[in-house]
Amino acid sequence: MEPIYDRRGQICAWLDEDALRDLGGRVTAWLHSGSVVSAGSVHKGWYRAGTFRDHVGAVVAWTEASHSAPPKPPHEPMPINPVKAVRPTKPAMPRGPLKPVDASTWSALTWAAYVK
């Protein structure tokens, strides 16, 4: 699993292949064809090249693979991976809206609001 960092450099979630897990190891969202989809099958934004973006293209969170703007803060050290909860069945994936141009700004959304 790979840590996901928020705008302050704190770990807010984990990337586990195509599943996004909270800090307790529960699946909260999925990746599907570059889209981020909540566990309730709602399109939340996009993931590309290590960067999670909202519906206007602003950055919500990032992984070590991210090299796009805005500048990222130093991140906290890598903790021990959480114990994975049972992986639920992947829900039906909605068709997402048109992807906006990537913005070089931080989103006003927190990670929790993003995957809710």
C-alpha atoms as a PDB file:
ATOM      1  CA  MET A   1       0.000   0.000   0.000  1.00  0.00           C
ATOM      2  CA  GLU A   2       1.118   3.506  -0.762  1.00  0.00           C
ATOM      3  CA  PRO A   3       0.427   6.512   1.500  1.00  0.00           C
ATOM      4  CA  ILE A   4      -1.719   9.391   0.255  1.00  0.00           C
ATOM      5  CA  TYR A   5      -0.780  12.816   1.625  1.00  0.00           C
ATOM      6  CA  ASP A   6      -2.970  15.891   2.093  1.00  0.00           C
ATOM      7  CA  ARG A   7      -2.033  19.545   1.543  1.00  0.00           C
ATOM      8  CA  ARG A   8      -0.214  19.603   4.937  1.00  0.00           C
ATOM      9  CA  GLY A   9       1.901  16.532   4.123  1.00  0.00           C
ATOM     10  CA  GLN A  10      -0.014  14.307   6.544  1.00  0.00           C
ATOM     11  CA  ILE A  11      -1.111  10.824   5.566  1.00  0.00           C
ATOM     12  CA  CYS A  12      -4.866  10.934   4.980  1.00  0.00           C
ATOM     13  CA  ALA A  13      -5.426   7.562   3.261  1.00  0.00           C
ATOM     14  CA  TRP A  14      -3.788   4.600   1.522  1.00  0.00           C
ATOM     15  CA  LEU A  15      -3.718   3.607  -2.147  1.00  0.00           C
ATOM     16  CA  ASP A  16      -4.154  -0.168  -2.450  1.00  0.00           C
ATOM     17  CA  GLU A  17      -4.123  -1.039  -6.165  1.00  0.00           C
ATOM     18  CA  ASP A  18      -7.526   0.333  -7.305  1.00  0.00           C
ATOM     19  CA  ALA A  19      -8.939   0.806  -3.778  1.00  0.00           C
ATOM     20  CA  LEU A  20      -8.551   3.865  -1.552  1.00  0.00           C
ATOM     21  CA  ARG A  21      -8.455   2.960   2.135  1.00  0.00           C
ATOM     22  CA  ASP A  22      -8.872   5.165   5.190  1.00  0.00           C
ATOM     23  CA  LEU A  23      -6.313   5.155   7.990  1.00  0.00           C
ATOM     24  CA  GLY A  24      -8.135   2.240   9.616  1.00  0.00           C
ATOM     25  CA  GLY A  25      -7.806   0.103   6.471  1.00  0.00           C
ATOM     26  CA  ARG A  26     -11.435   0.330   5.267  1.00  0.00           C
ATOM     27  CA  VAL A  27     -12.167   0.934   1.546  1.00  0.00           C
ATOM     28  CA  THR A  28     -13.721   4.391   1.097  1.00  0.00           C
ATOM     29  CA  ALA A  29     -13.409   4.870  -2.673  1.00  0.00           C
ATOM     30  CA  TRP A  30     -12.190   3.258  -5.884  1.00  0.00           C
ATOM     31  CA  LEU A  31     -10.103   4.190  -8.905  1.00  0.00           C
ATOM     32  CA  HIS A  32     -11.727   3.451 -12.253  1.00  0.00           C
ATOM     33  CA  SER A  33     -10.308   4.582 -15.602  1.00  0.00           C
ATOM     34  CA  GLY A  34      -8.640   7.611 -14.009  1.00  0.00           C
ATOM     35  CA  SER A  35     -11.734   8.571 -12.000  1.00  0.00           C
ATOM     36  CA  VAL A  36     -12.148   8.516  -8.215  1.00  0.00           C
ATOM     37  CA  VAL A  37     -15.500   6.958  -7.300  1.00  0.00           C
ATOM     38  CA  SER A  38     -16.874   6.835  -3.743  1.00  0.00           C
ATOM     39  CA  ALA A  39     -17.972   3.558  -2.168  1.00  0.00           C
ATOM     40  CA  GLY A  40     -21.520   4.784  -2.911  1.00  0.00           C
ATOM     41  CA  SER A  41     -20.759   4.965  -6.677  1.00  0.00           C
ATOM     42  CA  VAL A  42     -20.526   8.769  -6.854  1.00  0.00           C
ATOM     43  CA  HIS A  43     -17.876  10.323  -9.107  1.00  0.00           C
ATOM     44  CA  LYS A  44     -15.611  12.454  -6.877  1.00  0.00           C
ATOM     45  CA  GLY A  45     -12.774  13.566  -9.168  1.00  0.00           C
ATOM     46  CA  TRP A  46      -9.706  12.240 -10.935  1.00  0.00           C
ATOM     47  CA  TYR A  47      -6.398  10.527 -10.231  1.00  0.00           C
ATOM     48  CA  ARG A  48      -3.500  10.898 -12.587  1.00  0.00           C
ATOM     49  CA  ALA A  49       0.243  10.604 -12.170  1.00  0.00           C
ATOM     50  CA  GLY A  50       0.089  10.472  -8.364  1.00  0.00           C
ATOM     51  CA  THR A  51      -2.294  13.429  -7.949  1.00  0.00           C
ATOM     52  CA  PHE A  52      -5.935  13.381  -6.792  1.00  0.00           C
ATOM     53  CA  ARG A  53      -7.992  16.252  -8.240  1.00  0.00           C
ATOM     54  CA  ASP A  54     -11.508  17.555  -7.582  1.00  0.00           C
ATOM     55  CA  HIS A  55     -14.151  18.441 -10.190  1.00  0.00           C
ATOM     56  CA  VAL A  56     -12.516  21.781 -11.046  1.00  0.00           C
ATOM     57  CA  GLY A  57      -9.036  20.253 -11.398  1.00  0.00           C
ATOM     58  CA  ALA A  58      -7.607  21.500  -8.078  1.00  0.00           C
ATOM     59  CA  VAL A  59      -5.329  19.175  -6.069  1.00  0.00           C
ATOM     60  CA  VAL A  60      -6.908  17.383  -3.086  1.00  0.00           C
ATOM     61  CA  ALA A  61      -4.111  14.945  -2.233  1.00  0.00           C
ATOM     62  CA  TRP A  62      -0.976  13.324  -3.659  1.00  0.00           C
ATOM     63  CA  THR A  63       1.357  10.343  -3.553  1.00  0.00           C
ATOM     64  CA  GLU A  64       5.131  10.141  -3.938  1.00  0.00           C
ATOM     65  CA  ALA A  65       4.583   9.729  -7.703  1.00  0.00           C
ATOM     66  CA  SER A  66       3.104  13.248  -8.006  1.00  0.00           C
ATOM     67  CA  HIS A  67       5.225  15.854  -9.743  1.00  0.00           C
ATOM     68  CA  SER A  68       2.543  18.381 -10.670  1.00  0.00           C
ATOM     69  CA  ALA A  69       1.853  21.790  -9.110  1.00  0.00           C
ATOM     70  CA  PRO A  70       1.220  23.152  -6.517  1.00  0.00           C
ATOM     71  CA  PRO A  71       4.387  22.712  -4.450  1.00  0.00           C
ATOM     72  CA  LYS A  72       3.997  19.954  -1.883  1.00  0.00           C
ATOM     73  CA  PRO A  73       4.984  20.269   1.765  1.00  0.00           C
ATOM     74  CA  PRO A  74       7.441  17.891   3.400  1.00  0.00           C
ATOM     75  CA  HIS A  75       5.503  14.789   4.357  1.00  0.00           C
ATOM     76  CA  GLU A  76       5.480  12.828   7.563  1.00  0.00           C
ATOM     77  CA  PRO A  77       7.520   9.625   7.742  1.00  0.00           C
ATOM     78  CA  MET A  78       5.972   6.458   6.365  1.00  0.00           C
ATOM     79  CA  PRO A  79       4.110   4.614   9.140  1.00  0.00           C
ATOM     80  CA  ILE A  80       3.370   0.914   9.282  1.00  0.00           C
ATOM     81  CA  ASN A  81       0.613  -0.071   6.856  1.00  0.00           C
ATOM     82  CA  PRO A  82      -2.781  -0.507   8.528  1.00  0.00           C
ATOM     83  CA  VAL A  83      -4.450  -3.876   8.767  1.00  0.00           C
ATOM     84  CA  LYS A  84      -6.633  -4.204   5.683  1.00  0.00           C
ATOM     85  CA  ALA A  85     -10.342  -4.621   6.273  1.00  0.00           C
ATOM     86  CA  VAL A  86     -12.151  -7.118   4.060  1.00  0.00           C
ATOM     87  CA  ARG A  87     -12.242  -5.793   0.509  1.00  0.00           C
ATOM     88  CA  PRO A  88     -15.872  -5.163  -0.496  1.00  0.00           C
ATOM     89  CA  THR A  89     -17.222  -5.859  -3.952  1.00  0.00           C
ATOM     90  CA  LYS A  90     -16.485  -2.991  -6.299  1.00  0.00           C
ATOM     91  CA  PRO A  91     -19.747  -1.112  -7.026  1.00  0.00           C
ATOM     92  CA  ALA A  92     -21.036  -0.142 -10.446  1.00  0.00           C
ATOM     93  CA  MET A  93     -18.926   2.692 -11.772  1.00  0.00           C
ATOM     94  CA  PRO A  94     -20.741   5.829 -12.957  1.00  0.00           C
ATOM     95  CA  ARG A  95     -19.752   7.721 -16.041  1.00  0.00           C
ATOM     96  CA  GLY A  96     -17.824  10.783 -14.886  1.00  0.00           C
ATOM     97  CA  PRO A  97     -18.156  14.355 -16.098  1.00  0.00           C
ATOM     98  CA  LEU A  98     -15.674  15.890 -18.525  1.00  0.00           C
ATOM     99  CA  LYS A  99     -12.254  16.282 -16.944  1.00  0.00           C
ATOM    100  CA  PRO A 100     -11.210  19.931 -16.452  1.00  0.00           C
ATOM    101  CA  VAL A 101      -7.751  21.315 -17.123  1.00  0.00           C
ATOM    102  CA  ASP A 102      -5.393  20.500 -14.243  1.00  0.00           C
ATOM    103  CA  ALA A 103      -5.199  23.484 -11.904  1.00  0.00           C
ATOM    104  CA  SER A 104      -2.005  24.468 -10.077  1.00  0.00           C
ATOM    105  CA  THR A 105      -3.888  25.217  -6.861  1.00  0.00           C
ATOM    106  CA  TRP A 106      -4.999  23.287  -3.797  1.00  0.00           C
ATOM    107  CA  SER A 107      -8.651  22.288  -3.532  1.00  0.00           C
ATOM    108  CA  ALA A 108     -10.787  23.594  -0.677  1.00  0.00           C
ATOM    109  CA  LEU A 109     -11.947  19.985  -0.117  1.00  0.00           C
ATOM    110  CA  THR A 110     -10.440  17.850   2.631  1.00  0.00           C
ATOM    111  CA  TRP A 111      -9.723  14.197   1.832  1.00  0.00           C
ATOM    112  CA  ALA A 112     -12.691  13.117   3.995  1.00  0.00           C
ATOM    113  CA  ALA A 113     -15.062  15.394   2.076  1.00  0.00           C
ATOM    114  CA  TYR A 114     -13.566  14.257  -1.224  1.00  0.00           C
ATOM    115  CA  VAL A 115     -14.260  10.545  -0.712  1.00  0.00           C
ATOM    116  CA  LYS A 116     -17.548  10.966   1.196  1.00  0.00           C
END
